[in-house]
């Protein structure tokens, strides 16, 4: 089976569209990241100003220690929230890229299977064994690819669960530290 000019042009057009689609997704991820950082920076500046004002109004050392201790829990919670947003942006953008790669891989696999089937139909007599070996290799490669996809999905799920556990632990540790500092 030979490829026609129209098929080659269609394949190139599809690849260019995929490239532009992925570029758009990458820029959307960058825009979200910039927006997150601007928002976090603005909030940090406002909090620094209000904290500075509060420090200037402190009357004694014990009040200063209590003020400082009261900052730890919100800081930990905000850091965990920032990290969560950052993780969501990265995983969302990565998922979009993964979908595109998976889609293109599926298309290539289907095309290759079609080529193998077409070659099998036009193969000379006596080449059935070679065709069967090629089909078996293609099936094994497809199964391996599906196994890798499942393993990556499981690893991503474990990583997200671990991230959530670490964030929760950090926030709880900050709460415990703040409570202990207030009791002093």
C-alpha atoms as a PDB file:
ATOM      1  CA  UNK A   1       0.000   0.000   0.000  1.00  0.00           C
ATOM      2  CA  UNK A   2       1.477   3.336  -0.986  1.00  0.00           C
ATOM      3  CA  UNK A   3       0.553   6.652   0.529  1.00  0.00           C
ATOM      4  CA  UNK A   4      -1.048   9.263  -1.655  1.00  0.00           C
ATOM      5  CA  UNK A   5      -0.182  12.946  -1.611  1.00  0.00           C
ATOM      6  CA  UNK A   6      -3.567  13.674  -0.027  1.00  0.00           C
ATOM      7  CA  UNK A   7      -2.901  11.198   2.796  1.00  0.00           C
ATOM      8  CA  UNK A   8       0.519  12.694   3.480  1.00  0.00           C
ATOM      9  CA  UNK A   9      -0.890  16.235   3.483  1.00  0.00           C
ATOM     10  CA  UNK A  10      -3.745  15.182   5.767  1.00  0.00           C
ATOM     11  CA  UNK A  11      -1.270  13.579   8.183  1.00  0.00           C
ATOM     12  CA  UNK A  12       0.901  16.717   8.200  1.00  0.00           C
ATOM     13  CA  UNK A  13      -2.150  18.932   8.708  1.00  0.00           C
ATOM     14  CA  UNK A  14      -3.297  16.784  11.637  1.00  0.00           C
ATOM     15  CA  UNK A  15       0.200  16.924  13.170  1.00  0.00           C
ATOM     16  CA  UNK A  16       0.355  20.725  12.823  1.00  0.00           C
ATOM     17  CA  UNK A  17      -3.100  21.066  14.396  1.00  0.00           C
ATOM     18  CA  UNK A  18      -1.987  18.844  17.272  1.00  0.00           C
ATOM     19  CA  UNK A  19       1.167  20.926  17.713  1.00  0.00           C
ATOM     20  CA  UNK A  20      -0.818  24.168  17.826  1.00  0.00           C
ATOM     21  CA  UNK A  21      -3.332  22.609  20.214  1.00  0.00           C
ATOM     22  CA  UNK A  22      -0.550  21.512  22.566  1.00  0.00           C
ATOM     23  CA  UNK A  23       1.125  24.913  22.323  1.00  0.00           C
ATOM     24  CA  UNK A  24      -2.178  26.545  23.276  1.00  0.00           C
ATOM     25  CA  UNK A  25      -2.541  24.185  26.262  1.00  0.00           C
ATOM     26  CA  UNK A  26       1.032  24.954  27.351  1.00  0.00           C
ATOM     27  CA  UNK A  27       0.365  28.700  27.221  1.00  0.00           C
ATOM     28  CA  UNK A  28      -2.879  28.232  29.154  1.00  0.00           C
ATOM     29  CA  UNK A  29      -0.888  26.424  31.842  1.00  0.00           C
ATOM     30  CA  UNK A  30       1.677  29.217  31.928  1.00  0.00           C
ATOM     31  CA  UNK A  31      -1.097  31.832  32.145  1.00  0.00           C
ATOM     32  CA  UNK A  32      -2.626  29.983  35.106  1.00  0.00           C
ATOM     33  CA  UNK A  33       0.770  29.783  36.770  1.00  0.00           C
ATOM     34  CA  UNK A  34       1.424  33.505  36.277  1.00  0.00           C
ATOM     35  CA  UNK A  35      -2.065  34.333  37.578  1.00  0.00           C
ATOM     36  CA  UNK A  36      -1.486  32.136  40.639  1.00  0.00           C
ATOM     37  CA  UNK A  37       1.861  33.792  41.348  1.00  0.00           C
ATOM     38  CA  UNK A  38       0.498  37.323  40.911  1.00  0.00           C
ATOM     39  CA  UNK A  39      -2.414  36.549  43.233  1.00  0.00           C
ATOM     40  CA  UNK A  40      -0.106  34.955  45.810  1.00  0.00           C
ATOM     41  CA  UNK A  41       2.339  37.872  45.612  1.00  0.00           C
ATOM     42  CA  UNK A  42      -0.434  40.432  46.005  1.00  0.00           C
ATOM     43  CA  UNK A  43      -1.819  38.578  49.030  1.00  0.00           C
ATOM     44  CA  UNK A  44       1.662  38.258  50.560  1.00  0.00           C
ATOM     45  CA  UNK A  45       2.269  41.994  50.200  1.00  0.00           C
ATOM     46  CA  UNK A  46      -1.072  42.837  51.782  1.00  0.00           C
ATOM     47  CA  UNK A  47      -0.441  40.417  54.635  1.00  0.00           C
ATOM     48  CA  UNK A  48       3.080  41.772  55.168  1.00  0.00           C
ATOM     49  CA  UNK A  49       1.681  45.295  55.408  1.00  0.00           C
ATOM     50  CA  UNK A  50      -0.996  44.299  57.908  1.00  0.00           C
ATOM     51  CA  UNK A  51       1.479  42.213  59.917  1.00  0.00           C
ATOM     52  CA  UNK A  52       3.923  45.109  60.020  1.00  0.00           C
ATOM     53  CA  UNK A  53       1.144  47.361  61.276  1.00  0.00           C
ATOM     54  CA  UNK A  54       0.212  44.793  63.921  1.00  0.00           C
ATOM     55  CA  UNK A  55       3.862  44.502  65.050  1.00  0.00           C
ATOM     56  CA  UNK A  56       4.088  48.274  65.373  1.00  0.00           C
ATOM     57  CA  UNK A  57       1.030  48.232  67.685  1.00  0.00           C
ATOM     58  CA  UNK A  58       2.422  45.510  69.995  1.00  0.00           C
ATOM     59  CA  UNK A  59       2.778  46.630  73.601  1.00  0.00           C
ATOM     60  CA  UNK A  60       4.988  43.892  75.108  1.00  0.00           C
ATOM     61  CA  UNK A  61       7.112  40.828  74.265  1.00  0.00           C
ATOM     62  CA  UNK A  62       4.398  38.321  75.151  1.00  0.00           C
ATOM     63  CA  UNK A  63       1.953  39.985  72.770  1.00  0.00           C
ATOM     64  CA  UNK A  64       4.680  39.920  70.081  1.00  0.00           C
ATOM     65  CA  UNK A  65       5.245  36.169  70.628  1.00  0.00           C
ATOM     66  CA  UNK A  66       1.504  35.510  70.434  1.00  0.00           C
ATOM     67  CA  UNK A  67       1.288  37.550  67.226  1.00  0.00           C
ATOM     68  CA  UNK A  68       4.177  35.633  65.669  1.00  0.00           C
ATOM     69  CA  UNK A  69       2.678  32.290  66.726  1.00  0.00           C
ATOM     70  CA  UNK A  70      -0.663  33.219  65.192  1.00  0.00           C
ATOM     71  CA  UNK A  71       1.036  33.572  61.795  1.00  0.00           C
ATOM     72  CA  UNK A  72       2.284  29.989  61.520  1.00  0.00           C
ATOM     73  CA  UNK A  73      -1.022  28.193  60.933  1.00  0.00           C
ATOM     74  CA  UNK A  74      -2.350  30.567  58.240  1.00  0.00           C
ATOM     75  CA  UNK A  75       1.069  30.534  56.581  1.00  0.00           C
ATOM     76  CA  UNK A  76       1.103  26.733  56.474  1.00  0.00           C
ATOM     77  CA  UNK A  77      -2.459  26.635  55.152  1.00  0.00           C
ATOM     78  CA  UNK A  78      -1.667  29.220  52.463  1.00  0.00           C
ATOM     79  CA  UNK A  79       1.504  27.384  51.479  1.00  0.00           C
ATOM     80  CA  UNK A  80      -0.445  24.133  51.206  1.00  0.00           C
ATOM     81  CA  UNK A  81      -3.151  25.855  49.130  1.00  0.00           C
ATOM     82  CA  UNK A  82      -0.533  27.419  46.839  1.00  0.00           C
ATOM     83  CA  UNK A  83       1.180  24.054  46.414  1.00  0.00           C
ATOM     84  CA  UNK A  84      -2.175  22.422  45.674  1.00  0.00           C
ATOM     85  CA  UNK A  85      -2.990  25.018  42.986  1.00  0.00           C
ATOM     86  CA  UNK A  86       0.469  24.582  41.513  1.00  0.00           C
ATOM     87  CA  UNK A  87       0.040  20.803  41.455  1.00  0.00           C
ATOM     88  CA  UNK A  88      -3.411  21.128  39.861  1.00  0.00           C
ATOM     89  CA  UNK A  89      -2.057  23.378  37.102  1.00  0.00           C
ATOM     90  CA  UNK A  90       0.865  21.053  36.396  1.00  0.00           C
ATOM     91  CA  UNK A  91      -1.208  17.877  36.463  1.00  0.00           C
ATOM     92  CA  UNK A  92      -3.979  19.435  34.345  1.00  0.00           C
ATOM     93  CA  UNK A  93      -1.527  20.599  31.704  1.00  0.00           C
ATOM     94  CA  UNK A  94       0.271  17.256  31.817  1.00  0.00           C
ATOM     95  CA  UNK A  95      -3.033  15.429  31.415  1.00  0.00           C
ATOM     96  CA  UNK A  96      -3.812  17.446  28.287  1.00  0.00           C
ATOM     97  CA  UNK A  97      -0.438  16.501  26.822  1.00  0.00           C
ATOM     98  CA  UNK A  98      -1.012  12.872  27.824  1.00  0.00           C
ATOM     99  CA  UNK A  99      -4.398  12.801  26.086  1.00  0.00           C
ATOM    100  CA  UNK A 100      -2.859  14.177  22.901  1.00  0.00           C
ATOM    101  CA  UNK A 101      -0.019  11.650  22.956  1.00  0.00           C
ATOM    102  CA  UNK A 102      -2.442   8.820  23.688  1.00  0.00           C
ATOM    103  CA  UNK A 103      -4.729   9.917  20.854  1.00  0.00           C
ATOM    104  CA  UNK A 104      -1.861  10.170  18.362  1.00  0.00           C
ATOM    105  CA  UNK A 105      -0.461   6.825  19.502  1.00  0.00           C
ATOM    106  CA  UNK A 106      -3.846   5.191  19.000  1.00  0.00           C
ATOM    107  CA  UNK A 107      -4.063   6.680  15.497  1.00  0.00           C
ATOM    108  CA  UNK A 108      -0.574   5.424  14.628  1.00  0.00           C
ATOM    109  CA  UNK A 109      -1.380   1.971  15.999  1.00  0.00           C
ATOM    110  CA  UNK A 110      -4.568   1.773  13.923  1.00  0.00           C
ATOM    111  CA  UNK A 111      -2.711   2.915  10.801  1.00  0.00           C
ATOM    112  CA  UNK A 112       0.038   0.393  11.370  1.00  0.00           C
ATOM    113  CA  UNK A 113      -2.453  -2.437  11.947  1.00  0.00           C
ATOM    114  CA  UNK A 114      -4.179  -1.364   8.719  1.00  0.00           C
ATOM    115  CA  UNK A 115      -0.872  -1.497   6.855  1.00  0.00           C
ATOM    116  CA  UNK A 116      -0.110  -4.936   8.283  1.00  0.00           C
ATOM    117  CA  UNK A 117      -3.585  -6.206   7.341  1.00  0.00           C
ATOM    118  CA  UNK A 118      -3.255  -4.784   3.840  1.00  0.00           C
ATOM    119  CA  UNK A 119       0.210  -6.305   3.479  1.00  0.00           C
ATOM    120  CA  UNK A 120      -1.160  -9.649   4.700  1.00  0.00           C
ATOM    121  CA  UNK A 121      -3.864  -9.594   2.030  1.00  0.00           C
ATOM    122  CA  UNK A 122      -1.306  -8.906  -0.677  1.00  0.00           C
ATOM    123  CA  UNK A 123       1.424 -11.172   0.722  1.00  0.00           C
ATOM    124  CA  UNK A 124       2.639 -14.009  -1.448  1.00  0.00           C
ATOM    125  CA  UNK A 125       1.571 -17.550  -0.649  1.00  0.00           C
ATOM    126  CA  UNK A 126       3.619 -19.160   2.109  1.00  0.00           C
ATOM    127  CA  UNK A 127       4.214 -15.955   4.068  1.00  0.00           C
ATOM    128  CA  UNK A 128       1.373 -16.563   6.526  1.00  0.00           C
ATOM    129  CA  UNK A 129       3.817 -17.393   9.333  1.00  0.00           C
ATOM    130  CA  UNK A 130       5.706 -14.110   8.891  1.00  0.00           C
ATOM    131  CA  UNK A 131       2.437 -12.157   8.837  1.00  0.00           C
ATOM    132  CA  UNK A 132       1.257 -13.964  11.993  1.00  0.00           C
ATOM    133  CA  UNK A 133       4.537 -13.086  13.729  1.00  0.00           C
ATOM    134  CA  UNK A 134       4.152  -9.417  12.766  1.00  0.00           C
ATOM    135  CA  UNK A 135       0.521  -9.353  13.963  1.00  0.00           C
ATOM    136  CA  UNK A 136       1.565 -11.015  17.213  1.00  0.00           C
ATOM    137  CA  UNK A 137       4.331  -8.436  17.717  1.00  0.00           C
ATOM    138  CA  UNK A 138       1.889  -5.591  17.077  1.00  0.00           C
ATOM    139  CA  UNK A 139      -0.601  -7.060  19.571  1.00  0.00           C
ATOM    140  CA  UNK A 140       2.170  -7.475  22.163  1.00  0.00           C
ATOM    141  CA  UNK A 141       3.298  -3.868  21.642  1.00  0.00           C
ATOM    142  CA  UNK A 142      -0.278  -2.629  22.058  1.00  0.00           C
ATOM    143  CA  UNK A 143      -0.676  -4.641  25.274  1.00  0.00           C
ATOM    144  CA  UNK A 144       2.629  -3.302  26.597  1.00  0.00           C
ATOM    145  CA  UNK A 145       1.569   0.260  25.807  1.00  0.00           C
ATOM    146  CA  UNK A 146      -1.744  -0.229  27.633  1.00  0.00           C
ATOM    147  CA  UNK A 147       0.108  -1.673  30.638  1.00  0.00           C
ATOM    148  CA  UNK A 148       2.440   1.325  30.732  1.00  0.00           C
ATOM    149  CA  UNK A 149      -0.551   3.696  30.554  1.00  0.00           C
ATOM    150  CA  UNK A 150      -2.192   1.914  33.495  1.00  0.00           C
ATOM    151  CA  UNK A 151       1.040   2.006  35.504  1.00  0.00           C
ATOM    152  CA  UNK A 152       1.482   5.744  34.846  1.00  0.00           C
ATOM    153  CA  UNK A 153      -2.125   6.391  35.914  1.00  0.00           C
ATOM    154  CA  UNK A 154      -1.610   4.396  39.120  1.00  0.00           C
ATOM    155  CA  UNK A 155       1.656   6.216  39.854  1.00  0.00           C
ATOM    156  CA  UNK A 156      -0.077   9.569  39.305  1.00  0.00           C
ATOM    157  CA  UNK A 157      -2.867   8.577  41.686  1.00  0.00           C
ATOM    158  CA  UNK A 158      -0.350   7.503  44.342  1.00  0.00           C
ATOM    159  CA  UNK A 159       1.633  10.732  43.908  1.00  0.00           C
ATOM    160  CA  UNK A 160      -1.533  12.810  44.319  1.00  0.00           C
ATOM    161  CA  UNK A 161      -2.550  10.861  47.433  1.00  0.00           C
ATOM    162  CA  UNK A 162       0.940  11.348  48.900  1.00  0.00           C
ATOM    163  CA  UNK A 163       0.852  15.062  48.074  1.00  0.00           C
ATOM    164  CA  UNK A 164      -2.506  15.432  49.831  1.00  0.00           C
ATOM    165  CA  UNK A 165      -1.242  13.524  52.865  1.00  0.00           C
ATOM    166  CA  UNK A 166       1.911  15.657  53.143  1.00  0.00           C
ATOM    167  CA  UNK A 167      -0.090  18.880  52.783  1.00  0.00           C
ATOM    168  CA  UNK A 168      -2.565  17.791  55.452  1.00  0.00           C
ATOM    169  CA  UNK A 169       0.271  16.788  57.775  1.00  0.00           C
ATOM    170  CA  UNK A 170       1.998  20.147  57.311  1.00  0.00           C
ATOM    171  CA  UNK A 171      -1.191  22.075  58.067  1.00  0.00           C
ATOM    172  CA  UNK A 172      -1.919  19.913  61.123  1.00  0.00           C
ATOM    173  CA  UNK A 173       1.650  20.355  62.377  1.00  0.00           C
ATOM    174  CA  UNK A 174       1.297  24.121  62.031  1.00  0.00           C
ATOM    175  CA  UNK A 175      -1.989  24.007  63.962  1.00  0.00           C
ATOM    176  CA  UNK A 176      -0.340  21.998  66.730  1.00  0.00           C
ATOM    177  CA  UNK A 177       2.635  24.368  66.852  1.00  0.00           C
ATOM    178  CA  UNK A 178       0.371  27.410  66.956  1.00  0.00           C
ATOM    179  CA  UNK A 179      -1.741  25.930  69.738  1.00  0.00           C
ATOM    180  CA  UNK A 180       1.370  25.066  71.785  1.00  0.00           C
ATOM    181  CA  UNK A 181       2.827  28.553  71.271  1.00  0.00           C
ATOM    182  CA  UNK A 182      -0.400  30.229  72.390  1.00  0.00           C
ATOM    183  CA  UNK A 183      -0.418  28.211  75.633  1.00  0.00           C
ATOM    184  CA  UNK A 184       2.995  29.569  76.626  1.00  0.00           C
END
